[in-house]
Amino acid sequence: MLRLRDFKPEDKTLLVDHLNNPDVKRFLSPKIPSPYTMDDARWWVEIGSKAGEIFAIEKGGIFIGCVSAIKGELEYCKSAEVGYWLAKEYWGQGIVTEALALLIEQVESTTDIARLHAIVFDGNTGSDKVLLKSGFKHEALLEKAIYKEGTFYNANLYGKLI
């Protein structure tokens, strides 16, 4: 059974393992440190994961990923940016689609957010599919929108009204 929960200190080791997997971190924001250390995991569990609707994804009692909706500021205060990642061994099983549905339900019932959006590296077809299945609409291709490790990347913008 899949569930969303708060991060726990016991998640730190798996956080480090998962976020150092080259396939997992390939399309992640450069805000996530690389290499990802135990100190990074400690900060995330104690502080970072408390900065919005941020949840650990758990399946069968095992921590396997993260899903979040981070509320915007000022004129964007009724919008939130969605993000997620999943341990590679769980890819292709519909888990992120299910976790995103749970997140959307949580956001709708507990916040005043009216719009969700996601910015996805161009070429991340798995994420494109998750968002479309979840009712997001492709709104734009953003050229040179992401700068990571010395390289520019195009990004796809997806949006969903809730």
Protein backbone atom coordinates (compact mmCIF):
# COMPACT_ATOMS: atom_id res chain seq x y z
CA MET A 1 0.00 0.00 0.00
CA LEU A 2 1.21 3.48 -0.90
CA ARG A 3 1.05 6.34 1.56
CA LEU A 4 2.38 9.85 2.02
CA ARG A 5 3.92 10.77 5.36
CA ASP A 6 6.31 13.23 6.98
CA PHE A 7 10.02 12.53 6.71
CA LYS A 8 11.63 10.68 9.64
CA PRO A 9 15.25 10.48 10.83
CA GLU A 10 15.29 6.84 9.71
CA ASP A 11 14.92 8.04 6.08
CA LYS A 12 18.38 9.66 5.98
CA THR A 13 20.35 6.65 4.74
CA LEU A 14 17.90 5.89 1.94
CA LEU A 15 17.75 9.60 1.03
CA VAL A 16 21.51 9.56 0.50
CA ASP A 17 21.36 6.30 -1.47
CA HIS A 18 18.48 7.36 -3.72
CA LEU A 19 19.67 10.92 -4.36
CA ASN A 20 23.14 9.77 -5.37
CA ASN A 21 21.75 7.45 -8.06
CA PRO A 22 22.71 9.10 -11.39
CA ASP A 23 19.40 8.13 -13.01
CA VAL A 24 17.34 9.57 -10.15
CA LYS A 25 19.24 12.86 -9.95
CA ARG A 26 19.55 13.35 -13.73
CA PHE A 27 16.40 15.48 -13.99
CA LEU A 28 16.36 16.91 -10.46
CA SER A 29 16.74 20.59 -9.67
CA PRO A 30 20.28 21.83 -9.12
CA LYS A 31 19.00 23.01 -5.71
CA ILE A 32 19.49 19.42 -4.57
CA PRO A 33 23.15 19.00 -3.59
CA SER A 34 25.30 16.61 -5.59
CA PRO A 35 26.84 14.51 -4.23
CA TYR A 36 24.13 14.20 -1.60
CA THR A 37 25.59 13.69 1.88
CA MET A 38 24.32 12.55 5.26
CA ASP A 39 24.51 16.20 6.40
CA ASP A 40 22.24 17.15 3.47
CA ALA A 41 19.81 14.40 4.49
CA ARG A 42 19.86 15.55 8.12
CA TRP A 43 19.07 19.14 7.07
CA TRP A 44 16.26 17.91 4.79
CA VAL A 45 14.61 15.76 7.46
CA GLU A 46 14.91 18.39 10.22
CA ILE A 47 14.31 21.63 8.27
CA GLY A 48 13.89 21.48 4.49
CA SER A 49 10.99 19.04 4.38
CA LYS A 50 8.92 21.34 6.58
CA ALA A 51 8.76 24.19 4.02
CA GLY A 52 5.48 23.28 2.33
CA GLU A 53 3.30 20.33 1.45
CA ILE A 54 6.28 17.94 1.32
CA PHE A 55 5.89 14.24 1.88
CA ALA A 56 7.89 11.05 1.86
CA ILE A 57 6.42 8.35 -0.39
CA GLU A 58 6.23 5.03 1.43
CA LYS A 59 5.31 1.65 -0.04
CA GLY A 60 5.11 -1.48 2.08
CA GLY A 61 6.69 0.39 4.98
CA ILE A 62 9.73 1.42 2.89
CA PHE A 63 10.69 5.02 2.05
CA ILE A 64 10.95 5.21 -1.76
CA GLY A 65 10.64 8.86 -2.81
CA CYS A 66 9.26 12.34 -2.32
CA VAL A 67 6.35 14.41 -3.62
CA SER A 68 5.74 18.09 -2.87
CA ALA A 69 3.74 21.23 -3.58
CA ILE A 70 5.60 24.40 -2.65
CA LYS A 71 3.39 27.47 -2.36
CA GLY A 72 4.43 30.60 -4.23
CA GLU A 73 4.89 34.04 -2.73
CA LEU A 74 3.30 37.46 -3.26
CA GLU A 75 1.18 37.44 -6.44
CA TYR A 76 1.80 33.67 -6.76
CA CYS A 77 0.47 32.93 -3.25
CA LYS A 78 -2.45 30.85 -4.58
CA SER A 79 -0.19 28.70 -6.78
CA ALA A 80 2.21 25.91 -5.92
CA GLU A 81 5.02 24.17 -7.77
CA VAL A 82 4.79 20.40 -7.78
CA GLY A 83 7.90 18.25 -7.62
CA TYR A 84 8.69 14.59 -7.11
CA TRP A 85 11.31 11.90 -7.39
CA LEU A 86 11.27 8.14 -6.94
CA ALA A 87 13.89 5.47 -6.24
CA LYS A 88 14.83 3.91 -9.57
CA GLU A 89 13.80 0.36 -8.66
CA TYR A 90 10.19 1.59 -8.38
CA TRP A 91 9.98 3.36 -11.75
CA GLY A 92 7.34 2.30 -14.26
CA GLN A 93 4.81 1.06 -11.70
CA GLY A 94 2.45 4.06 -11.59
CA ILE A 95 3.66 5.01 -8.12
CA VAL A 96 4.33 8.69 -8.82
CA THR A 97 0.94 9.05 -10.52
CA GLU A 98 -0.69 7.57 -7.42
CA ALA A 99 1.41 9.71 -5.05
CA LEU A 100 0.60 12.84 -7.04
CA ALA A 101 -3.14 12.06 -6.81
CA LEU A 102 -2.78 11.77 -3.02
CA LEU A 103 -0.85 15.05 -2.91
CA ILE A 104 -3.46 16.87 -5.01
CA GLU A 105 -6.20 15.57 -2.71
CA GLN A 106 -4.24 16.83 0.32
CA VAL A 107 -3.61 20.25 -1.23
CA GLU A 108 -7.26 20.65 -2.26
CA SER A 109 -8.58 19.76 1.18
CA THR A 110 -6.09 21.61 3.40
CA THR A 111 -4.87 24.71 1.53
CA ASP A 112 -6.19 27.69 -0.44
CA ILE A 113 -4.06 26.85 -3.48
CA ALA A 114 -5.98 27.22 -6.77
CA ARG A 115 -3.31 26.25 -9.29
CA LEU A 116 -0.51 23.71 -9.46
CA HIS A 117 2.34 23.80 -11.94
CA ALA A 118 5.39 21.71 -12.70
CA ILE A 119 8.56 22.54 -14.62
CA VAL A 120 10.06 19.46 -16.26
CA PHE A 121 13.38 19.02 -18.04
CA ASP A 122 12.70 18.61 -21.76
CA GLY A 123 13.31 14.93 -22.50
CA ASN A 124 11.98 13.65 -19.17
CA THR A 125 9.22 11.68 -20.88
CA GLY A 126 8.33 9.70 -17.74
CA SER A 127 7.49 12.90 -15.90
CA ASP A 128 5.60 14.27 -18.92
CA LYS A 129 3.39 11.16 -18.86
CA VAL A 130 2.78 11.35 -15.09
CA LEU A 131 1.59 14.95 -15.32
CA LEU A 132 -0.66 14.39 -18.33
CA LYS A 133 -2.22 11.32 -16.64
CA SER A 134 -2.78 13.49 -13.56
CA GLY A 135 -4.80 16.08 -15.47
CA PHE A 136 -2.09 18.68 -16.02
CA LYS A 137 -1.99 20.52 -19.35
CA HIS A 138 1.19 21.27 -21.27
CA GLU A 139 1.33 25.08 -21.28
CA ALA A 140 4.69 26.00 -22.78
CA LEU A 141 8.18 25.01 -23.81
CA LEU A 142 10.60 27.24 -21.93
CA GLU A 143 13.86 27.57 -23.84
CA LYS A 144 17.09 27.59 -21.81
CA ALA A 145 14.99 27.70 -18.63
CA ILE A 146 17.21 25.46 -16.50
CA TYR A 147 20.93 25.88 -15.93
CA LYS A 148 22.55 22.85 -14.33
CA GLU A 149 26.21 21.89 -14.07
CA GLY A 150 27.28 24.36 -16.76
CA THR A 151 24.59 23.43 -19.30
CA PHE A 152 21.31 25.05 -20.35
CA TYR A 153 18.23 22.86 -20.68
CA ASN A 154 14.81 23.52 -22.14
CA ALA A 155 11.86 22.82 -19.87
CA ASN A 156 8.19 21.99 -20.26
CA LEU A 157 5.67 23.89 -18.16
CA TYR A 158 2.56 22.01 -17.05
CA GLY A 159 -0.39 23.46 -15.15
CA LYS A 160 -3.55 22.27 -13.42
CA LEU A 161 -6.37 24.24 -11.83
CA ILE A 162 -7.75 22.71 -8.65
